[in-house]
Amino acid sequence: SFFLTGTQGKAPEPYYDPLQFWIEAAHDRG
């Protein structure tokens, strides 16, 4: 998403998967 990196098609650098990050962090907080 453009709303993530400012360029459509560009992955985060350094790489991480935002959805996986949100899932783990949410579940760790119940």
Full PDB file with SEQRES, HELIX, SHEET, SSBOND, CRYST1, ORIGX, SCALE, CONECT and MASTER records, all heavy atoms in Angstrom:
SEQRES   1 A   30  SER PHE PHE LEU THR GLY THR GLN GLY LYS ALA PRO GLU          
SEQRES   2 A   30  PRO TYR TYR ASP PRO LEU GLN PHE TRP ILE GLU ALA ALA          
SEQRES   3 A   30  HIS ASP ARG GLY                                              
HELIX    1 AA1 PHE A    2  THR A    5  1                                   4    
HELIX    2 AA2 PRO A   18  ASP A   28  1                                  11    
CRYST1    1.000    1.000    1.000  90.00  90.00  90.00 P 1           1          
ORIGX1      1.000000  0.000000  0.000000        0.00000                         
ORIGX2      0.000000  1.000000  0.000000        0.00000                         
ORIGX3      0.000000  0.000000  1.000000        0.00000                         
SCALE1      1.000000  0.000000  0.000000        0.00000                         
SCALE2      0.000000  1.000000  0.000000        0.00000                         
SCALE3      0.000000  0.000000  1.000000        0.00000                         
ATOM      1  N   SER A   1       0.808  -1.216   0.000  1.00  0.00           N  
ATOM      2  CA  SER A   1       0.000   0.000   0.000  1.00  0.00           C  
ATOM      3  C   SER A   1       0.849   1.278   0.000  1.00  0.00           C  
ATOM      4  O   SER A   1       1.848   1.389   0.715  1.00  0.00           O  
ATOM      5  CB  SER A   1      -0.916   0.008   1.228  1.00  0.00           C  
ATOM      6  OG  SER A   1      -1.658   1.201   1.287  1.00  0.00           O  
ATOM      7  N   PHE A   2       0.371   2.236  -0.766  1.00  0.00           N  
ATOM      8  CA  PHE A   2       0.956   3.581  -0.750  1.00  0.00           C  
ATOM      9  C   PHE A   2       0.878   4.189   0.641  1.00  0.00           C  
ATOM     10  O   PHE A   2       1.785   4.907   1.073  1.00  0.00           O  
ATOM     11  CB  PHE A   2       0.191   4.460  -1.748  1.00  0.00           C  
ATOM     12  CG  PHE A   2       0.472   5.935  -1.625  1.00  0.00           C  
ATOM     13  CD1 PHE A   2       1.534   6.521  -2.290  1.00  0.00           C  
ATOM     14  CD2 PHE A   2      -0.339   6.748  -0.840  1.00  0.00           C  
ATOM     15  CE1 PHE A   2       1.790   7.878  -2.174  1.00  0.00           C  
ATOM     16  CE2 PHE A   2      -0.096   8.106  -0.710  1.00  0.00           C  
ATOM     17  CZ  PHE A   2       0.978   8.679  -1.385  1.00  0.00           C  
ATOM     18  N   PHE A   3      -0.194   3.928   1.370  1.00  0.00           N  
ATOM     19  CA  PHE A   3      -0.388   4.539   2.690  1.00  0.00           C  
ATOM     20  C   PHE A   3       0.621   4.017   3.710  1.00  0.00           C  
ATOM     21  O   PHE A   3       0.804   4.622   4.768  1.00  0.00           O  
ATOM     22  CB  PHE A   3      -1.809   4.285   3.193  1.00  0.00           C  
ATOM     23  CG  PHE A   3      -2.865   4.841   2.274  1.00  0.00           C  
ATOM     24  CD1 PHE A   3      -3.822   4.014   1.718  1.00  0.00           C  
ATOM     25  CD2 PHE A   3      -2.876   6.185   1.945  1.00  0.00           C  
ATOM     26  CE1 PHE A   3      -4.794   4.521   0.865  1.00  0.00           C  
ATOM     27  CE2 PHE A   3      -3.836   6.705   1.085  1.00  0.00           C  
ATOM     28  CZ  PHE A   3      -4.798   5.875   0.542  1.00  0.00           C  
ATOM     29  N   LEU A   4       1.300   2.930   3.379  1.00  0.00           N  
ATOM     30  CA  LEU A   4       2.298   2.369   4.286  1.00  0.00           C  
ATOM     31  C   LEU A   4       3.676   2.972   4.022  1.00  0.00           C  
ATOM     32  O   LEU A   4       4.307   3.513   4.931  1.00  0.00           O  
ATOM     33  CB  LEU A   4       2.336   0.849   4.121  1.00  0.00           C  
ATOM     34  CG  LEU A   4       3.257   0.090   5.072  1.00  0.00           C  
ATOM     35  CD1 LEU A   4       2.736   0.171   6.505  1.00  0.00           C  
ATOM     36  CD2 LEU A   4       3.368  -1.369   4.638  1.00  0.00           C  
ATOM     37  N   THR A   5       4.131   2.898   2.784  1.00  0.00           N  
ATOM     38  CA  THR A   5       5.509   3.286   2.486  1.00  0.00           C  
ATOM     39  C   THR A   5       5.626   4.575   1.677  1.00  0.00           C  
ATOM     40  O   THR A   5       6.736   5.099   1.520  1.00  0.00           O  
ATOM     41  CB  THR A   5       6.222   2.170   1.693  1.00  0.00           C  
ATOM     42  OG1 THR A   5       5.545   2.000   0.436  1.00  0.00           O  
ATOM     43  CG2 THR A   5       6.205   0.859   2.465  1.00  0.00           C  
ATOM     44  N   GLY A   6       4.522   5.080   1.148  1.00  0.00           N  
ATOM     45  CA  GLY A   6       4.580   6.260   0.312  1.00  0.00           C  
ATOM     46  C   GLY A   6       4.803   5.949  -1.160  1.00  0.00           C  
ATOM     47  O   GLY A   6       4.736   6.847  -2.003  1.00  0.00           O  
ATOM     48  N   THR A   7       5.043   4.684  -1.463  1.00  0.00           N  
ATOM     49  CA  THR A   7       5.213   4.241  -2.850  1.00  0.00           C  
ATOM     50  C   THR A   7       4.466   2.929  -3.026  1.00  0.00           C  
ATOM     51  O   THR A   7       4.775   1.945  -2.346  1.00  0.00           O  
ATOM     52  CB  THR A   7       6.692   4.021  -3.200  1.00  0.00           C  
ATOM     53  OG1 THR A   7       7.416   5.231  -2.983  1.00  0.00           O  
ATOM     54  CG2 THR A   7       6.858   3.586  -4.649  1.00  0.00           C  
ATOM     55  N   GLN A   8       3.502   2.921  -3.925  1.00  0.00           N  
ATOM     56  CA  GLN A   8       2.753   1.698  -4.141  1.00  0.00           C  
ATOM     57  C   GLN A   8       3.662   0.599  -4.678  1.00  0.00           C  
ATOM     58  O   GLN A   8       4.452   0.812  -5.602  1.00  0.00           O  
ATOM     59  CB  GLN A   8       1.606   1.939  -5.117  1.00  0.00           C  
ATOM     60  CG  GLN A   8       0.678   0.741  -5.253  1.00  0.00           C  
ATOM     61  CD  GLN A   8      -0.518   1.034  -6.131  1.00  0.00           C  
ATOM     62  OE1 GLN A   8      -0.543   2.049  -6.823  1.00  0.00           O  
ATOM     63  NE2 GLN A   8      -1.503   0.168  -6.094  1.00  0.00           N  
ATOM     64  N   GLY A   9       3.574  -0.570  -4.044  1.00  0.00           N  
ATOM     65  CA  GLY A   9       4.402  -1.697  -4.461  1.00  0.00           C  
ATOM     66  C   GLY A   9       5.713  -1.811  -3.711  1.00  0.00           C  
ATOM     67  O   GLY A   9       6.430  -2.807  -3.880  1.00  0.00           O  
ATOM     68  N   LYS A  10       6.040  -0.822  -2.882  1.00  0.00           N  
ATOM     69  CA  LYS A  10       7.308  -0.856  -2.146  1.00  0.00           C  
ATOM     70  C   LYS A  10       7.104  -1.477  -0.764  1.00  0.00           C  
ATOM     71  O   LYS A  10       6.238  -1.052   0.000  1.00  0.00           O  
ATOM     72  CB  LYS A  10       7.862   0.559  -1.985  1.00  0.00           C  
ATOM     73  CG  LYS A  10       9.187   0.620  -1.224  1.00  0.00           C  
ATOM     74  CD  LYS A  10       9.666   2.056  -1.055  1.00  0.00           C  
ATOM     75  CE  LYS A  10      10.952   2.102  -0.229  1.00  0.00           C  
ATOM     76  NZ  LYS A  10      11.424   3.492  -0.013  1.00  0.00           N  
ATOM     77  N   ALA A  11       7.906  -2.474  -0.427  1.00  0.00           N  
ATOM     78  CA  ALA A  11       7.821  -3.146   0.865  1.00  0.00           C  
ATOM     79  C   ALA A  11       8.502  -2.314   1.947  1.00  0.00           C  
ATOM     80  O   ALA A  11       9.371  -1.481   1.652  1.00  0.00           O  
ATOM     81  CB  ALA A  11       8.484  -4.518   0.781  1.00  0.00           C  
ATOM     82  N   PRO A  12       8.132  -2.520   3.199  1.00  0.00           N  
ATOM     83  CA  PRO A  12       8.820  -1.805   4.294  1.00  0.00           C  
ATOM     84  C   PRO A  12      10.298  -2.180   4.350  1.00  0.00           C  
ATOM     85  O   PRO A  12      10.673  -3.323   4.061  1.00  0.00           O  
ATOM     86  CB  PRO A  12       8.090  -2.306   5.552  1.00  0.00           C  
ATOM     87  CG  PRO A  12       6.795  -2.864   5.075  1.00  0.00           C  
ATOM     88  CD  PRO A  12       7.055  -3.382   3.690  1.00  0.00           C  
ATOM     89  N   GLU A  13      11.139  -1.206   4.727  1.00  0.00           N  
ATOM     90  CA  GLU A  13      12.575  -1.425   4.887  1.00  0.00           C  
ATOM     91  C   GLU A  13      13.033  -0.860   6.219  1.00  0.00           C  
ATOM     92  O   GLU A  13      12.817   0.324   6.481  1.00  0.00           O  
ATOM     93  CB  GLU A  13      13.356  -0.762   3.748  1.00  0.00           C  
ATOM     94  CG  GLU A  13      13.078  -1.323   2.370  1.00  0.00           C  
ATOM     95  CD  GLU A  13      13.866  -0.572   1.284  1.00  0.00           C  
ATOM     96  OE1 GLU A  13      14.731   0.265   1.645  1.00  0.00           O  
ATOM     97  OE2 GLU A  13      13.594  -0.803   0.103  1.00  0.00           O  
ATOM     98  N   PRO A  14      13.657  -1.676   7.081  1.00  0.00           N  
ATOM     99  CA  PRO A  14      13.872  -3.111   6.927  1.00  0.00           C  
ATOM    100  C   PRO A  14      12.541  -3.859   6.893  1.00  0.00           C  
ATOM    101  O   PRO A  14      11.545  -3.401   7.462  1.00  0.00           O  
ATOM    102  CB  PRO A  14      14.708  -3.482   8.148  1.00  0.00           C  
ATOM    103  CG  PRO A  14      14.364  -2.440   9.167  1.00  0.00           C  
ATOM    104  CD  PRO A  14      14.140  -1.179   8.387  1.00  0.00           C  
ATOM    105  N   TYR A  15      12.570  -5.017   6.255  1.00  0.00           N  
ATOM    106  CA  TYR A  15      11.323  -5.722   5.990  1.00  0.00           C  
ATOM    107  C   TYR A  15      10.632  -6.200   7.272  1.00  0.00           C  
ATOM    108  O   TYR A  15      11.294  -6.685   8.195  1.00  0.00           O  
ATOM    109  CB  TYR A  15      11.565  -6.931   5.090  1.00  0.00           C  
ATOM    110  CG  TYR A  15      10.306  -7.748   4.910  1.00  0.00           C  
ATOM    111  CD1 TYR A  15       9.351  -7.366   3.979  1.00  0.00           C  
ATOM    112  CD2 TYR A  15      10.052  -8.855   5.719  1.00  0.00           C  
ATOM    113  CE1 TYR A  15       8.169  -8.079   3.842  1.00  0.00           C  
ATOM    114  CE2 TYR A  15       8.870  -9.573   5.579  1.00  0.00           C  
ATOM    115  CZ  TYR A  15       7.928  -9.176   4.652  1.00  0.00           C  
ATOM    116  OH  TYR A  15       6.753  -9.867   4.527  1.00  0.00           O  
ATOM    117  N   TYR A  16       9.339  -6.029   7.309  1.00  0.00           N  
ATOM    118  CA  TYR A  16       8.487  -6.709   8.291  1.00  0.00           C  
ATOM    119  C   TYR A  16       7.096  -6.793   7.702  1.00  0.00           C  
ATOM    120  O   TYR A  16       6.775  -6.088   6.737  1.00  0.00           O  
ATOM    121  CB  TYR A  16       8.488  -5.988   9.643  1.00  0.00           C  
ATOM    122  CG  TYR A  16       7.506  -4.841   9.784  1.00  0.00           C  
ATOM    123  CD1 TYR A  16       6.432  -4.930  10.679  1.00  0.00           C  
ATOM    124  CD2 TYR A  16       7.639  -3.661   9.053  1.00  0.00           C  
ATOM    125  CE1 TYR A  16       5.531  -3.872  10.830  1.00  0.00           C  
ATOM    126  CE2 TYR A  16       6.751  -2.611   9.203  1.00  0.00           C  
ATOM    127  CZ  TYR A  16       5.691  -2.722  10.094  1.00  0.00           C  
ATOM    128  OH  TYR A  16       4.800  -1.687  10.239  1.00  0.00           O  
ATOM    129  N   ASP A  17       6.284  -7.678   8.243  1.00  0.00           N  
ATOM    130  CA  ASP A  17       4.913  -7.838   7.785  1.00  0.00           C  
ATOM    131  C   ASP A  17       4.001  -7.116   8.774  1.00  0.00           C  
ATOM    132  O   ASP A  17       3.813  -7.589   9.903  1.00  0.00           O  
ATOM    133  CB  ASP A  17       4.552  -9.330   7.722  1.00  0.00           C  
ATOM    134  CG  ASP A  17       3.176  -9.579   7.108  1.00  0.00           C  
ATOM    135  OD1 ASP A  17       2.267  -8.750   7.334  1.00  0.00           O  
ATOM    136  OD2 ASP A  17       2.998 -10.604   6.435  1.00  0.00           O  
ATOM    137  N   PRO A  18       3.458  -5.957   8.422  1.00  0.00           N  
ATOM    138  CA  PRO A  18       2.645  -5.187   9.377  1.00  0.00           C  
ATOM    139  C   PRO A  18       1.460  -5.975   9.941  1.00  0.00           C  
ATOM    140  O   PRO A  18       1.180  -5.876  11.144  1.00  0.00           O  
ATOM    141  CB  PRO A  18       2.172  -3.990   8.553  1.00  0.00           C  
ATOM    142  CG  PRO A  18       3.212  -3.825   7.497  1.00  0.00           C  
ATOM    143  CD  PRO A  18       3.644  -5.211   7.156  1.00  0.00           C  
ATOM    144  N   LEU A  19       0.768  -6.734   9.114  1.00  0.00           N  
ATOM    145  CA  LEU A  19      -0.387  -7.476   9.634  1.00  0.00           C  
ATOM    146  C   LEU A  19       0.042  -8.499  10.677  1.00  0.00           C  
ATOM    147  O   LEU A  19      -0.585  -8.621  11.733  1.00  0.00           O  
ATOM    148  CB  LEU A  19      -1.138  -8.163   8.495  1.00  0.00           C  
ATOM    149  CG  LEU A  19      -2.327  -9.051   8.918  1.00  0.00           C  
ATOM    150  CD1 LEU A  19      -3.320  -8.297   9.785  1.00  0.00           C  
ATOM    151  CD2 LEU A  19      -3.018  -9.651   7.703  1.00  0.00           C  
ATOM    152  N   GLN A  20       1.105  -9.232  10.402  1.00  0.00           N  
ATOM    153  CA  GLN A  20       1.589 -10.201  11.383  1.00  0.00           C  
ATOM    154  C   GLN A  20       1.988  -9.499  12.679  1.00  0.00           C  
ATOM    155  O   GLN A  20       1.715 -10.001  13.776  1.00  0.00           O  
ATOM    156  CB  GLN A  20       2.775 -10.985  10.816  1.00  0.00           C  
ATOM    157  CG  GLN A  20       3.248 -12.130  11.710  1.00  0.00           C  
ATOM    158  CD  GLN A  20       2.171 -13.179  11.919  1.00  0.00           C  
ATOM    159  OE1 GLN A  20       1.424 -13.506  10.996  1.00  0.00           O  
ATOM    160  NE2 GLN A  20       2.068 -13.694  13.136  1.00  0.00           N  
ATOM    161  N   PHE A  21       2.613  -8.343  12.546  1.00  0.00           N  
ATOM    162  CA  PHE A  21       3.003  -7.562  13.732  1.00  0.00           C  
ATOM    163  C   PHE A  21       1.766  -7.170  14.539  1.00  0.00           C  
ATOM    164  O   PHE A  21       1.740  -7.309  15.771  1.00  0.00           O  
ATOM    165  CB  PHE A  21       3.779  -6.324  13.288  1.00  0.00           C  
ATOM    166  CG  PHE A  21       4.243  -5.459  14.423  1.00  0.00           C  
ATOM    167  CD1 PHE A  21       5.439  -5.716  15.067  1.00  0.00           C  
ATOM    168  CD2 PHE A  21       3.476  -4.379  14.857  1.00  0.00           C  
ATOM    169  CE1 PHE A  21       5.864  -4.920  16.124  1.00  0.00           C  
ATOM    170  CE2 PHE A  21       3.886  -3.575  15.909  1.00  0.00           C  
ATOM    171  CZ  PHE A  21       5.098  -3.851  16.548  1.00  0.00           C  
ATOM    172  N   TRP A  22       0.729  -6.680  13.864  1.00  0.00           N  
ATOM    173  CA  TRP A  22      -0.494  -6.263  14.552  1.00  0.00           C  
ATOM    174  C   TRP A  22      -1.188  -7.446  15.221  1.00  0.00           C  
ATOM    175  O   TRP A  22      -1.698  -7.324  16.348  1.00  0.00           O  
ATOM    176  CB  TRP A  22      -1.438  -5.597  13.552  1.00  0.00           C  
ATOM    177  CG  TRP A  22      -1.200  -4.132  13.363  1.00  0.00           C  
ATOM    178  CD1 TRP A  22      -0.263  -3.552  12.555  1.00  0.00           C  
ATOM    179  CD2 TRP A  22      -1.897  -3.055  13.996  1.00  0.00           C  
ATOM    180  NE1 TRP A  22      -0.340  -2.178  12.648  1.00  0.00           N  
ATOM    181  CE2 TRP A  22      -1.334  -1.846  13.523  1.00  0.00           C  
ATOM    182  CE3 TRP A  22      -2.949  -2.996  14.909  1.00  0.00           C  
ATOM    183  CZ2 TRP A  22      -1.784  -0.597  13.935  1.00  0.00           C  
ATOM    184  CZ3 TRP A  22      -3.402  -1.745  15.316  1.00  0.00           C  
ATOM    185  CH2 TRP A  22      -2.816  -0.568  14.845  1.00  0.00           C  
ATOM    186  N   ILE A  23      -1.217  -8.582  14.553  1.00  0.00           N  
ATOM    187  CA  ILE A  23      -1.876  -9.759  15.127  1.00  0.00           C  
ATOM    188  C   ILE A  23      -1.195 -10.181  16.415  1.00  0.00           C  
ATOM    189  O   ILE A  23      -1.845 -10.388  17.455  1.00  0.00           O  
ATOM    190  CB  ILE A  23      -1.885 -10.927  14.114  1.00  0.00           C  
ATOM    191  CG1 ILE A  23      -2.823 -10.620  12.941  1.00  0.00           C  
ATOM    192  CG2 ILE A  23      -2.309 -12.230  14.789  1.00  0.00           C  
ATOM    193  CD1 ILE A  23      -2.687 -11.593  11.789  1.00  0.00           C  
ATOM    194  N   GLU A  24       0.123 -10.328  16.365  1.00  0.00           N  
ATOM    195  CA  GLU A  24       0.853 -10.778  17.556  1.00  0.00           C  
ATOM    196  C   GLU A  24       0.717  -9.777  18.696  1.00  0.00           C  
ATOM    197  O   GLU A  24       0.493 -10.156  19.850  1.00  0.00           O  
ATOM    198  CB  GLU A  24       2.332 -10.995  17.206  1.00  0.00           C  
ATOM    199  CG  GLU A  24       2.596 -12.177  16.292  1.00  0.00           C  
ATOM    200  CD  GLU A  24       2.217 -13.500  16.932  1.00  0.00           C  
ATOM    201  OE1 GLU A  24       2.373 -13.639  18.161  1.00  0.00           O  
ATOM    202  OE2 GLU A  24       1.754 -14.402  16.211  1.00  0.00           O  
ATOM    203  N   ALA A  25       0.858  -8.501  18.384  1.00  0.00           N  
ATOM    204  CA  ALA A  25       0.776  -7.475  19.424  1.00  0.00           C  
ATOM    205  C   ALA A  25      -0.628  -7.397  20.014  1.00  0.00           C  
ATOM    206  O   ALA A  25      -0.793  -7.204  21.233  1.00  0.00           O  
ATOM    207  CB  ALA A  25       1.191  -6.121  18.858  1.00  0.00           C  
ATOM    208  N   ALA A  26      -1.652  -7.535  19.178  1.00  0.00           N  
ATOM    209  CA  ALA A  26      -3.033  -7.512  19.676  1.00  0.00           C  
ATOM    210  C   ALA A  26      -3.303  -8.707  20.574  1.00  0.00           C  
ATOM    211  O   ALA A  26      -3.841  -8.565  21.694  1.00  0.00           O  
ATOM    212  CB  ALA A  26      -4.014  -7.487  18.510  1.00  0.00           C  
ATOM    213  N   HIS A  27      -2.935  -9.888  20.126  1.00  0.00           N  
ATOM    214  CA  HIS A  27      -3.191 -11.096  20.905  1.00  0.00           C  
ATOM    215  C   HIS A  27      -2.436 -11.090  22.226  1.00  0.00           C  
ATOM    216  O   HIS A  27      -2.945 -11.581  23.247  1.00  0.00           O  
ATOM    217  CB  HIS A  27      -2.841 -12.337  20.087  1.00  0.00           C  
ATOM    218  CG  HIS A  27      -3.811 -12.597  18.976  1.00  0.00           C  
ATOM    219  ND1 HIS A  27      -3.615 -13.588  18.024  1.00  0.00           N  
ATOM    220  CD2 HIS A  27      -4.991 -12.013  18.648  1.00  0.00           C  
ATOM    221  CE1 HIS A  27      -4.633 -13.591  17.175  1.00  0.00           C  
ATOM    222  NE2 HIS A  27      -5.474 -12.631  17.529  1.00  0.00           N  
ATOM    223  N   ASP A  28      -1.226 -10.535  22.223  1.00  0.00           N  
ATOM    224  CA  ASP A  28      -0.468 -10.439  23.475  1.00  0.00           C  
ATOM    225  C   ASP A  28      -1.150  -9.524  24.483  1.00  0.00           C  
ATOM    226  O   ASP A  28      -0.856  -9.592  25.683  1.00  0.00           O  
ATOM    227  CB  ASP A  28       0.951  -9.924  23.204  1.00  0.00           C  
ATOM    228  CG  ASP A  28       1.853 -10.989  22.610  1.00  0.00           C  
ATOM    229  OD1 ASP A  28       1.487 -12.178  22.658  1.00  0.00           O  
ATOM    230  OD2 ASP A  28       2.931 -10.631  22.087  1.00  0.00           O  
ATOM    231  N   ARG A  29      -2.040  -8.680  24.022  1.00  0.00           N  
ATOM    232  CA  ARG A  29      -2.781  -7.770  24.905  1.00  0.00           C  
ATOM    233  C   ARG A  29      -4.222  -8.222  25.133  1.00  0.00           C  
ATOM    234  O   ARG A  29      -5.040  -7.482  25.662  1.00  0.00           O  
ATOM    235  CB  ARG A  29      -2.748  -6.350  24.315  1.00  0.00           C  
ATOM    236  CG  ARG A  29      -1.373  -5.706  24.432  1.00  0.00           C  
ATOM    237  CD  ARG A  29      -1.150  -4.603  23.418  1.00  0.00           C  
ATOM    238  NE  ARG A  29       0.180  -4.008  23.612  1.00  0.00           N  
ATOM    239  CZ  ARG A  29       1.316  -4.579  23.213  1.00  0.00           C  
ATOM    240  NH1 ARG A  29       1.293  -5.739  22.563  1.00  0.00           N  
ATOM    241  NH2 ARG A  29       2.481  -3.990  23.442  1.00  0.00           N  
ATOM    242  N   GLY A  30      -4.533  -9.436  24.711  1.00  0.00           N  
ATOM    243  CA  GLY A  30      -5.871  -9.961  24.905  1.00  0.00           C  
ATOM    244  C   GLY A  30      -6.910  -9.348  23.986  1.00  0.00           C  
ATOM    245  O   GLY A  30      -8.115  -9.384  24.291  1.00  0.00           O  
TER     246      GLY A  30                                                      
MASTER        0    0    0    2    0    0    0    6  245    1    0    3          
END                                                                             
